[in-house]
Structure formats: C-alpha cells, structure tokens
C-alpha cells in the first residue's frame, strides 16, 4: 500500500535552512534542452512542450519556500488546534448536508464516507476556497531544475505536461499551490494524471472547478490505498497511567480485547466495545491524547505520511461524524522546540539509529528511534521525546 503515497508535499519536503547548501549543477537553458529530449522520448509532443513552457524561467520564491518549511514541526494538539476549528467544522457539516446525494453516490461506489472526504477537502483547501494561484508548470519546472528533489519533480512536471497534451487542463488553468499541487484536494500532477475521474458527467476530469470530480477522485485513491468500506478509522480512548508503552506503536495492531486487558478504556472511562484490531496511537506520548488507530488509519498515512497531519485529518473526520472534542490526555506534555528536536535527531543519528532527515519533525521514523533509546535508558518507551531524554543523550 505504501507505493500509493499521494503525498501532500508540504508534509514530505524537509524543513531546512532558507539558504540551501546545494545549487543546480546545470545552467537552466541547457537543463531545459535535456529535459525536453527526455519528455519527448517519453511520448510528449514537442509542440506541446514548447507551447506550455514558452518563455518560462525558474521562480526563486518557490525554492525559498521549499527550503523554509516548518509546518509539521508543530505537535499534534497545536496543529489540530489550528486546523479543526469551529469554522471548518460548521462548514464541513453544512457541505455534507448540502451535497448529501453526491457523498452518498461516492460512498456507494467507492466505500469512502463523506466525512473522511470532507475532512481532507477542508484541510487541503478550505473546501475549495483556497486552491492556490501560482503557475503549476512554473513551480514544477523550478523544483525539477533545482538540485534537492530534481528526480521527483522531473516526473511530476512530465505528468503535468501530459495533462495538457491529453486536454484535461490548459497551462493557463493550471494554477495551484507553490509546490505544484492541483485542485480542491491538492493532488500531485502524477496522481491527477493517473487517477482522476469524471464524476459529474461533463466529459472532463476537472479537479480544480468540479467538486464532484475532485471528491470522487480522492475516493478512488483512498480505495486503491486500501480503504475498507464500513470500518472505523480512529477512536479516541483513555490510556492508563501505567502500561507497557512500547506496545503503543502503529505497527502493533492488537484485538480490542487485548487493549482492554492493558487498561485502555473508552474516552469517557467506559469499557471498550467492538471487534477488529487496532494500534494504540499516542501522538504526544503517554501523557497526551490517545486513540485506537484501525487499519483504515493507514490510508490517511498513505495520503500524507506526516503523522501529525494524518492524525489531525482522521480526528477531523471523527468530529464531522459526531465525535466530541478530544481530551488533552493524562497530564501536561512538555514539547521540544524545533531546535531541540533537530538536536535530538542529530544525537540519535550519531548513535547509529535510522534518522533520514534532521528536520525537527517528529515522525514515525524518529519515534521508533526514540523508543529504542528509551528502552535502552530504562525510560517509559512511548516513542515521544522530551527534555529529559535529550539531556540524557
């Protein structure tokens, strides 16, 4: 399922200093000539290439944005507190009601509930109200020429050009976020090209102006990523004060009865009920909020691999489904600053643990490394770093 990561770029791009250490090795005109040969060899018509990119040059502001991202360095409660707000909840419920027939048809065909689609719709573009107004082709051209993730964006740029060649979009209509995401659900050009569908019956796959096409296409991708129709995705619970915290990780799905035996209850303290398996998700460690993450939660991670974003989206969907405001947990959580988190990752990497990027974002990779060190130091192994762990390292 992981190969279906239609990942929002704001989550997966690293938070690095504004001034990059790398620079593009090839002058832009020479690079563009080579890229044209590559695109034409892949099936793009030379006339389409020349027309779509005529006179276009790299946009330095895009590179600066790429180097200065810190959005997902926020902890879960801070991020969710900024995103799952009364305005979005009210607007989401209003649109679910207004478009009830559309959401019903989508769920009948693809199995994905309207609340899940509305949560992504609200988080990505405020329900289509803020899709971005930057030239998609220029953004992708810039990032494809830039050194940091050139291979990834070369592929995205080719898909964007194929969308033009196929007649789905014109270059003028391809306007969106600074990193090249398109439409009301902010899809990468490759996902738009490969998975978009015409759901409103007008003969076009328009994910920018047609919310029916955009929502149905998102449902297609969620289904292909493994969505299980009729099953839950996230449930808030109450964790005990003490337990084997190393069990609380996303790759450890246990029957609900096993979690009940370890002292996990419903959020109101009642006994757990229901069947199936789930992981115990502690987005801010043993003292913060607690959730049971069912197999469908993995599909949220396939949409966006940031655990903070995915947990927020899944929580937003539960609120739209009628769940109450979450509890803050068992006690106050002292979070690390961005600088402290980077320092922690650097120290973990020095110890030989798997840390790909020292970016201050506490994702699953960092949490797994933290859990390993916590066990070594005889600390509660909940996978969430704090100042005590940093000082001991």
Protein backbone atom coordinates (compact mmCIF):
# COMPACT_ATOMS: atom_id res chain seq x y z
CA UNK A 1 0.00 0.00 0.00
CA UNK A 2 2.89 2.34 0.66
CA UNK A 3 3.55 2.68 -3.07
CA UNK A 4 0.31 4.65 -3.31
CA UNK A 5 1.58 7.60 -1.35
CA UNK A 6 -0.26 10.50 -2.95
CA UNK A 7 1.62 12.66 -0.54
CA UNK A 8 0.90 16.31 0.15
CA UNK A 9 4.28 17.91 -0.50
CA UNK A 10 4.04 20.26 2.45
CA UNK A 11 4.48 17.20 4.65
CA UNK A 12 7.21 15.29 2.90
CA UNK A 13 9.62 18.08 1.97
CA UNK A 14 12.28 18.68 4.60
CA UNK A 15 12.44 21.70 6.86
CA UNK A 16 15.92 23.00 6.08
CA UNK A 17 17.55 26.41 6.35
CA UNK A 18 16.45 29.06 3.87
CA UNK A 19 19.88 29.13 2.20
CA UNK A 20 20.43 25.75 0.56
CA UNK A 21 23.82 24.12 0.54
CA UNK A 22 23.21 22.60 -2.88
CA UNK A 23 22.89 24.50 -6.12
CA UNK A 24 21.70 23.38 -9.53
CA UNK A 25 24.65 21.89 -11.35
CA UNK A 26 23.45 22.76 -14.86
CA UNK A 27 22.58 26.13 -16.35
CA UNK A 28 18.86 26.40 -16.93
CA UNK A 29 18.85 26.64 -20.78
CA UNK A 30 20.99 23.51 -21.09
CA UNK A 31 18.91 21.72 -18.49
CA UNK A 32 15.69 22.63 -20.29
CA UNK A 33 17.05 21.28 -23.57
CA UNK A 34 17.95 17.96 -21.93
CA UNK A 35 14.62 17.74 -20.17
CA UNK A 36 12.74 18.37 -23.42
CA UNK A 37 14.57 15.46 -25.05
CA UNK A 38 13.66 13.27 -22.07
CA UNK A 39 9.99 14.30 -22.16
CA UNK A 40 9.67 13.86 -25.93
CA UNK A 41 11.26 10.42 -25.68
CA UNK A 42 8.58 9.56 -23.10
CA UNK A 43 5.80 10.50 -25.54
CA UNK A 44 5.26 14.24 -25.16
CA UNK A 45 4.75 16.17 -28.40
CA UNK A 46 7.46 18.80 -28.96
CA UNK A 47 4.82 21.41 -29.86
CA UNK A 48 3.04 20.85 -26.53
CA UNK A 49 6.33 21.22 -24.64
CA UNK A 50 7.29 24.43 -26.45
CA UNK A 51 3.83 25.99 -26.10
CA UNK A 52 3.31 25.09 -22.44
CA UNK A 53 6.75 26.25 -21.23
CA UNK A 54 7.36 29.12 -23.65
CA UNK A 55 9.48 31.82 -22.01
CA UNK A 56 9.21 30.20 -18.59
CA UNK A 57 12.10 30.56 -16.13
CA UNK A 58 12.66 29.27 -12.57
CA UNK A 59 10.89 31.09 -9.74
CA UNK A 60 13.34 31.77 -6.90
CA UNK A 61 10.48 32.31 -4.43
CA UNK A 62 9.48 28.65 -4.89
CA UNK A 63 12.98 27.49 -3.96
CA UNK A 64 12.95 29.74 -0.89
CA UNK A 65 9.63 28.24 0.22
CA UNK A 66 10.96 24.76 -0.34
CA UNK A 67 13.88 25.49 1.97
CA UNK A 68 11.93 27.03 4.84
CA UNK A 69 9.07 24.69 5.72
CA UNK A 70 8.26 24.12 9.38
CA UNK A 71 4.52 23.38 9.28
CA UNK A 72 4.69 19.83 10.56
CA UNK A 73 7.21 20.55 13.26
CA UNK A 74 4.18 21.51 15.37
CA UNK A 75 2.92 18.97 17.89
CA UNK A 76 -0.45 17.30 17.28
CA UNK A 77 -2.51 19.38 19.72
CA UNK A 78 -1.07 22.64 18.34
CA UNK A 79 -1.62 21.64 14.71
CA UNK A 80 -5.10 20.20 15.30
CA UNK A 81 -5.99 23.27 17.33
CA UNK A 82 -5.19 25.47 14.33
CA UNK A 83 -7.00 23.28 11.79
CA UNK A 84 -10.02 21.65 13.44
CA UNK A 85 -11.75 24.89 14.35
CA UNK A 86 -15.44 25.81 14.62
CA UNK A 87 -15.45 27.43 11.18
CA UNK A 88 -14.23 24.27 9.41
CA UNK A 89 -16.45 22.00 11.46
CA UNK A 90 -19.51 24.12 10.71
CA UNK A 91 -18.67 24.50 7.03
CA UNK A 92 -17.94 20.79 6.71
CA UNK A 93 -21.26 19.78 8.25
CA UNK A 94 -23.08 22.29 6.05
CA UNK A 95 -21.47 20.92 2.88
CA UNK A 96 -22.09 17.31 3.90
CA UNK A 97 -25.77 18.14 4.20
CA UNK A 98 -25.91 20.27 1.05
CA UNK A 99 -24.14 17.60 -1.04
CA UNK A 100 -25.67 14.58 0.67
CA UNK A 101 -26.67 12.89 -2.60
CA UNK A 102 -23.18 13.33 -4.07
CA UNK A 103 -21.44 11.96 -0.98
CA UNK A 104 -23.90 9.05 -0.90
CA UNK A 105 -23.17 8.13 -4.52
CA UNK A 106 -19.43 8.31 -3.91
CA UNK A 107 -19.63 6.10 -0.82
CA UNK A 108 -21.84 3.57 -2.60
CA UNK A 109 -19.35 3.31 -5.45
CA UNK A 110 -16.03 3.54 -3.61
CA UNK A 111 -16.82 2.84 0.06
CA UNK A 112 -15.32 6.04 1.46
CA UNK A 113 -17.57 8.03 3.86
CA UNK A 114 -18.36 11.66 3.15
CA UNK A 115 -16.92 12.74 6.49
CA UNK A 116 -13.48 11.44 5.51
CA UNK A 117 -13.56 13.20 2.14
CA UNK A 118 -14.86 16.40 3.72
CA UNK A 119 -12.02 16.36 6.25
CA UNK A 120 -9.37 16.24 3.53
CA UNK A 121 -11.32 18.81 1.48
CA UNK A 122 -11.40 21.19 4.44
CA UNK A 123 -7.76 20.75 5.46
CA UNK A 124 -6.33 20.97 1.95
CA UNK A 125 -8.17 23.98 0.51
CA UNK A 126 -10.89 25.12 2.94
CA UNK A 127 -13.43 23.21 0.85
CA UNK A 128 -12.17 24.53 -2.46
CA UNK A 129 -11.91 28.13 -1.33
CA UNK A 130 -8.12 28.32 -1.40
CA UNK A 131 -6.62 26.17 -4.13
CA UNK A 132 -3.66 28.47 -4.78
CA UNK A 133 -2.88 30.86 -7.61
CA UNK A 134 0.68 30.06 -8.63
CA UNK A 135 1.59 28.66 -12.04
CA UNK A 136 1.77 24.90 -11.57
CA UNK A 137 4.05 24.43 -14.56
CA UNK A 138 6.47 27.12 -13.39
CA UNK A 139 6.56 25.72 -9.86
CA UNK A 140 7.26 22.21 -11.11
CA UNK A 141 9.79 23.49 -13.64
CA UNK A 142 11.61 25.31 -10.84
CA UNK A 143 11.69 22.31 -8.50
CA UNK A 144 12.64 19.93 -11.30
CA UNK A 145 15.63 22.13 -12.20
CA UNK A 146 16.58 22.69 -8.57
CA UNK A 147 19.01 20.20 -7.10
CA UNK A 148 17.26 18.99 -3.96
CA UNK A 149 14.48 16.77 -5.31
CA UNK A 150 15.02 17.04 -9.03
CA UNK A 151 14.19 13.43 -9.96
CA UNK A 152 10.88 13.55 -8.13
CA UNK A 153 9.81 16.82 -9.72
CA UNK A 154 11.01 15.91 -13.21
CA UNK A 155 8.44 13.12 -13.07
CA UNK A 156 5.75 15.47 -11.77
CA UNK A 157 6.49 18.03 -14.49
CA UNK A 158 6.14 15.38 -17.19
CA UNK A 159 2.78 14.33 -15.80
CA UNK A 160 1.65 17.96 -15.73
CA UNK A 161 2.61 18.33 -19.39
CA UNK A 162 0.75 15.12 -20.23
CA UNK A 163 -2.36 16.61 -18.63
CA UNK A 164 -2.04 19.45 -21.12
CA UNK A 165 -1.46 17.06 -24.02
CA UNK A 166 -4.49 14.94 -23.06
CA UNK A 167 -6.70 18.03 -22.93
CA UNK A 168 -7.57 17.77 -19.24
CA UNK A 169 -6.18 21.24 -18.49
CA UNK A 170 -4.64 24.19 -20.27
CA UNK A 171 -1.44 25.79 -18.95
CA UNK A 172 -3.45 28.89 -18.04
CA UNK A 173 -5.85 26.85 -15.90
CA UNK A 174 -3.05 25.01 -14.11
CA UNK A 175 -2.73 27.25 -11.10
CA UNK A 176 -2.38 25.96 -7.58
CA UNK A 177 -0.06 25.65 -4.58
CA UNK A 178 3.60 26.68 -4.73
CA UNK A 179 4.86 23.08 -4.83
CA UNK A 180 2.69 22.08 -7.78
CA UNK A 181 -0.33 20.51 -6.10
CA UNK A 182 -3.56 20.95 -8.04
CA UNK A 183 -7.25 21.20 -7.39
CA UNK A 184 -9.65 21.16 -4.48
CA UNK A 185 -7.89 18.17 -2.88
CA UNK A 186 -4.35 19.36 -3.77
CA UNK A 187 -3.20 16.34 -5.75
CA UNK A 188 0.18 15.92 -7.34
CA UNK A 189 0.18 16.06 -11.13
CA UNK A 190 1.06 12.35 -11.31
CA UNK A 191 -1.95 11.39 -9.18
CA UNK A 192 -4.20 13.72 -11.15
CA UNK A 193 -2.96 12.17 -14.39
CA UNK A 194 -3.23 8.55 -13.22
CA UNK A 195 -6.33 8.52 -11.01
CA UNK A 196 -8.64 11.46 -11.72
CA UNK A 197 -12.14 10.59 -12.95
CA UNK A 198 -15.06 12.46 -14.48
CA UNK A 199 -17.83 12.08 -11.90
CA UNK A 200 -20.12 14.94 -12.90
CA UNK A 201 -20.56 13.58 -16.43
CA UNK A 202 -19.38 16.60 -18.40
CA UNK A 203 -16.68 14.64 -20.22
CA UNK A 204 -13.75 16.32 -18.44
CA UNK A 205 -11.61 15.40 -15.44
CA UNK A 206 -11.62 18.81 -13.74
CA UNK A 207 -10.38 18.59 -10.16
CA UNK A 208 -9.99 22.36 -9.92
CA UNK A 209 -13.53 23.56 -10.62
CA UNK A 210 -15.67 20.45 -10.14
CA UNK A 211 -16.01 19.38 -6.54
CA UNK A 212 -17.76 16.19 -7.73
CA UNK A 213 -14.74 15.19 -9.82
CA UNK A 214 -12.33 16.20 -7.04
CA UNK A 215 -14.10 14.33 -4.23
CA UNK A 216 -14.74 11.19 -6.29
CA UNK A 217 -11.13 11.11 -7.49
CA UNK A 218 -9.95 11.35 -3.89
CA UNK A 219 -12.23 8.44 -3.03
CA UNK A 220 -10.74 6.42 -5.89
CA UNK A 221 -7.24 6.91 -4.49
CA UNK A 222 -8.26 6.14 -0.93
CA UNK A 223 -9.92 2.94 -2.10
CA UNK A 224 -6.83 1.94 -4.07
CA UNK A 225 -4.73 2.64 -0.99
CA UNK A 226 -6.70 0.01 0.92
CA UNK A 227 -9.76 1.71 2.38
CA UNK A 228 -12.12 -0.81 4.00
CA UNK A 229 -15.75 0.15 3.49
CA UNK A 230 -17.89 0.26 6.60
CA UNK A 231 -14.95 0.09 9.04
CA UNK A 232 -13.79 2.76 11.53
CA UNK A 233 -10.53 4.70 11.21
CA UNK A 234 -9.89 6.39 14.56
CA UNK A 235 -11.44 6.28 18.02
CA UNK A 236 -10.40 8.39 20.97
CA UNK A 237 -9.68 6.34 24.09
CA UNK A 238 -8.25 6.82 27.56
CA UNK A 239 -4.89 5.25 28.27
CA UNK A 240 -3.98 4.10 31.80
CA UNK A 241 -1.36 5.87 33.87
CA UNK A 242 0.99 2.92 33.58
CA UNK A 243 1.33 0.17 30.99
CA UNK A 244 3.89 -1.31 28.61
CA UNK A 245 4.23 1.82 26.49
CA UNK A 246 6.38 0.07 23.89
CA UNK A 247 3.17 -1.62 22.72
CA UNK A 248 1.80 1.76 21.59
CA UNK A 249 3.05 1.94 18.01
CA UNK A 250 1.35 1.90 14.64
CA UNK A 251 2.81 -1.40 13.51
CA UNK A 252 1.37 -3.22 16.54
CA UNK A 253 -2.32 -3.84 15.84
CA UNK A 254 -3.99 -5.94 18.53
CA UNK A 255 -7.57 -7.07 19.20
CA UNK A 256 -9.55 -4.51 21.17
CA UNK A 257 -9.84 -7.06 23.96
CA UNK A 258 -6.04 -7.00 24.35
CA UNK A 259 -6.03 -3.24 24.78
CA UNK A 260 -8.85 -3.53 27.30
CA UNK A 261 -6.78 -6.03 29.30
CA UNK A 262 -3.96 -3.45 29.42
CA UNK A 263 -6.29 -0.83 30.90
CA UNK A 264 -7.33 1.11 27.80
CA UNK A 265 -10.93 2.33 28.01
CA UNK A 266 -13.30 4.48 26.00
CA UNK A 267 -12.62 8.21 26.31
CA UNK A 268 -15.35 8.52 28.97
CA UNK A 269 -13.92 5.63 31.00
CA UNK A 270 -16.38 3.02 29.80
CA UNK A 271 -15.30 -0.43 28.69
CA UNK A 272 -14.07 -0.85 25.14
CA UNK A 273 -16.57 -2.46 22.80
CA UNK A 274 -16.50 -3.70 19.25
CA UNK A 275 -14.34 -6.10 17.29
CA UNK A 276 -11.36 -5.96 14.97
CA UNK A 277 -7.79 -4.91 15.56
CA UNK A 278 -6.21 -1.51 16.14
CA UNK A 279 -2.98 0.13 17.18
CA UNK A 280 -2.72 2.38 20.21
CA UNK A 281 -1.74 5.80 18.85
CA UNK A 282 -0.20 8.27 21.27
CA UNK A 283 0.59 11.32 19.11
CA UNK A 284 2.14 13.17 22.07
CA UNK A 285 3.28 10.28 24.21
CA UNK A 286 1.80 8.62 27.27
CA UNK A 287 0.54 11.88 28.81
CA UNK A 288 -1.18 13.26 25.71
CA UNK A 289 -4.31 12.28 23.77
CA UNK A 290 -4.81 8.59 22.98
CA UNK A 291 -6.53 6.89 20.05
CA UNK A 292 -7.16 3.48 18.63
CA UNK A 293 -5.95 3.57 15.03
CA UNK A 294 -7.73 0.97 12.92
CA UNK A 295 -6.43 -0.38 9.56
CA UNK A 296 -8.19 2.47 7.74
CA UNK A 297 -5.92 4.91 9.55
CA UNK A 298 -3.05 3.58 7.43
CA UNK A 299 -4.85 5.05 4.42
CA UNK A 300 -4.64 8.51 5.98
CA UNK A 301 -0.88 7.98 6.19
CA UNK A 302 -0.85 6.93 2.54
CA UNK A 303 -2.46 10.28 1.69
CA UNK A 304 0.10 12.16 3.76
CA UNK A 305 2.92 10.43 5.58
CA UNK A 306 3.13 13.10 8.30
CA UNK A 307 1.70 11.51 11.44
CA UNK A 308 0.65 14.95 12.73
CA UNK A 309 -1.30 15.75 9.57
CA UNK A 310 -2.80 12.26 9.27
CA UNK A 311 -3.93 12.15 12.88
CA UNK A 312 -5.45 15.61 12.52
CA UNK A 313 -7.30 14.64 9.33
CA UNK A 314 -8.61 11.44 10.92
CA UNK A 315 -9.67 13.30 14.07
CA UNK A 316 -11.39 15.97 11.95
CA UNK A 317 -13.33 13.21 10.16
CA UNK A 318 -14.47 11.74 13.50
CA UNK A 319 -15.69 15.17 14.62
CA UNK A 320 -17.70 15.51 11.39
CA UNK A 321 -19.12 12.08 12.20
CA UNK A 322 -20.32 13.28 15.61
CA UNK A 323 -17.40 12.60 17.98
CA UNK A 324 -16.88 15.10 20.83
CA UNK A 325 -13.87 17.36 21.38
CA UNK A 326 -10.85 15.28 22.36
CA UNK A 327 -9.33 15.12 25.82
CA UNK A 328 -5.90 16.62 26.36
CA UNK A 329 -4.67 13.38 27.95
CA UNK A 330 -3.34 12.32 31.33
CA UNK A 331 -1.30 15.41 32.03
CA UNK A 332 0.68 18.30 30.56
CA UNK A 333 3.11 17.43 27.77
CA UNK A 334 6.36 19.37 27.56
CA UNK A 335 7.20 19.53 23.87
CA UNK A 336 10.62 20.18 22.35
CA UNK A 337 11.31 23.29 20.31
CA UNK A 338 12.24 22.92 16.65
CA UNK A 339 15.90 23.43 17.52
CA UNK A 340 15.77 20.88 20.33
CA UNK A 341 14.05 18.36 18.07
CA UNK A 342 16.80 18.76 15.47
CA UNK A 343 19.43 18.36 18.19
CA UNK A 344 17.69 15.20 19.36
CA UNK A 345 17.59 13.75 15.83
CA UNK A 346 21.27 14.54 15.32
CA UNK A 347 22.16 12.72 18.54
CA UNK A 348 20.02 9.73 17.58
CA UNK A 349 21.74 9.61 14.21
CA UNK A 350 25.15 9.74 15.90
CA UNK A 351 24.15 6.65 17.87
CA UNK A 352 23.61 4.78 14.61
CA UNK A 353 19.81 4.90 14.65
CA UNK A 354 17.78 5.33 11.49
CA UNK A 355 17.25 9.07 11.04
CA UNK A 356 16.96 10.09 7.39
CA UNK A 357 16.45 13.82 7.87
CA UNK A 358 17.44 16.12 10.72
CA UNK A 359 14.47 18.44 10.22
CA UNK A 360 12.83 18.79 13.63
CA UNK A 361 9.73 16.87 12.55
CA UNK A 362 8.87 14.06 14.97
CA UNK A 363 7.52 11.46 12.56
CA UNK A 364 7.31 7.69 12.84
CA UNK A 365 10.99 7.21 11.98
CA UNK A 366 12.11 9.49 14.80
CA UNK A 367 9.57 7.99 17.20
CA UNK A 368 10.89 4.48 16.52
CA UNK A 369 14.45 5.65 17.20
CA UNK A 370 13.33 7.41 20.38
CA UNK A 371 11.52 4.29 21.57
CA UNK A 372 14.69 2.25 21.08
CA UNK A 373 16.77 4.68 23.15
CA UNK A 374 14.09 4.97 25.84
CA UNK A 375 14.19 1.21 26.30
CA UNK A 376 17.98 1.29 26.49
CA UNK A 377 17.90 4.02 29.14
CA UNK A 378 15.08 2.37 31.11
CA UNK A 379 12.66 5.22 30.42
CA UNK A 380 8.94 4.85 29.59
CA UNK A 381 9.16 3.73 25.94
CA UNK A 382 6.26 5.69 24.47
CA UNK A 383 8.30 6.94 21.50
CA UNK A 384 7.76 10.61 22.32
CA UNK A 385 10.87 12.69 23.12
CA UNK A 386 11.14 15.16 25.97
CA UNK A 387 13.79 17.33 27.58
CA UNK A 388 14.77 14.53 29.98
CA UNK A 389 15.65 12.22 27.10
CA UNK A 390 17.53 14.97 25.27
CA UNK A 391 19.60 15.77 28.37
CA UNK A 392 20.47 12.10 28.89
CA UNK A 393 21.62 11.81 25.31
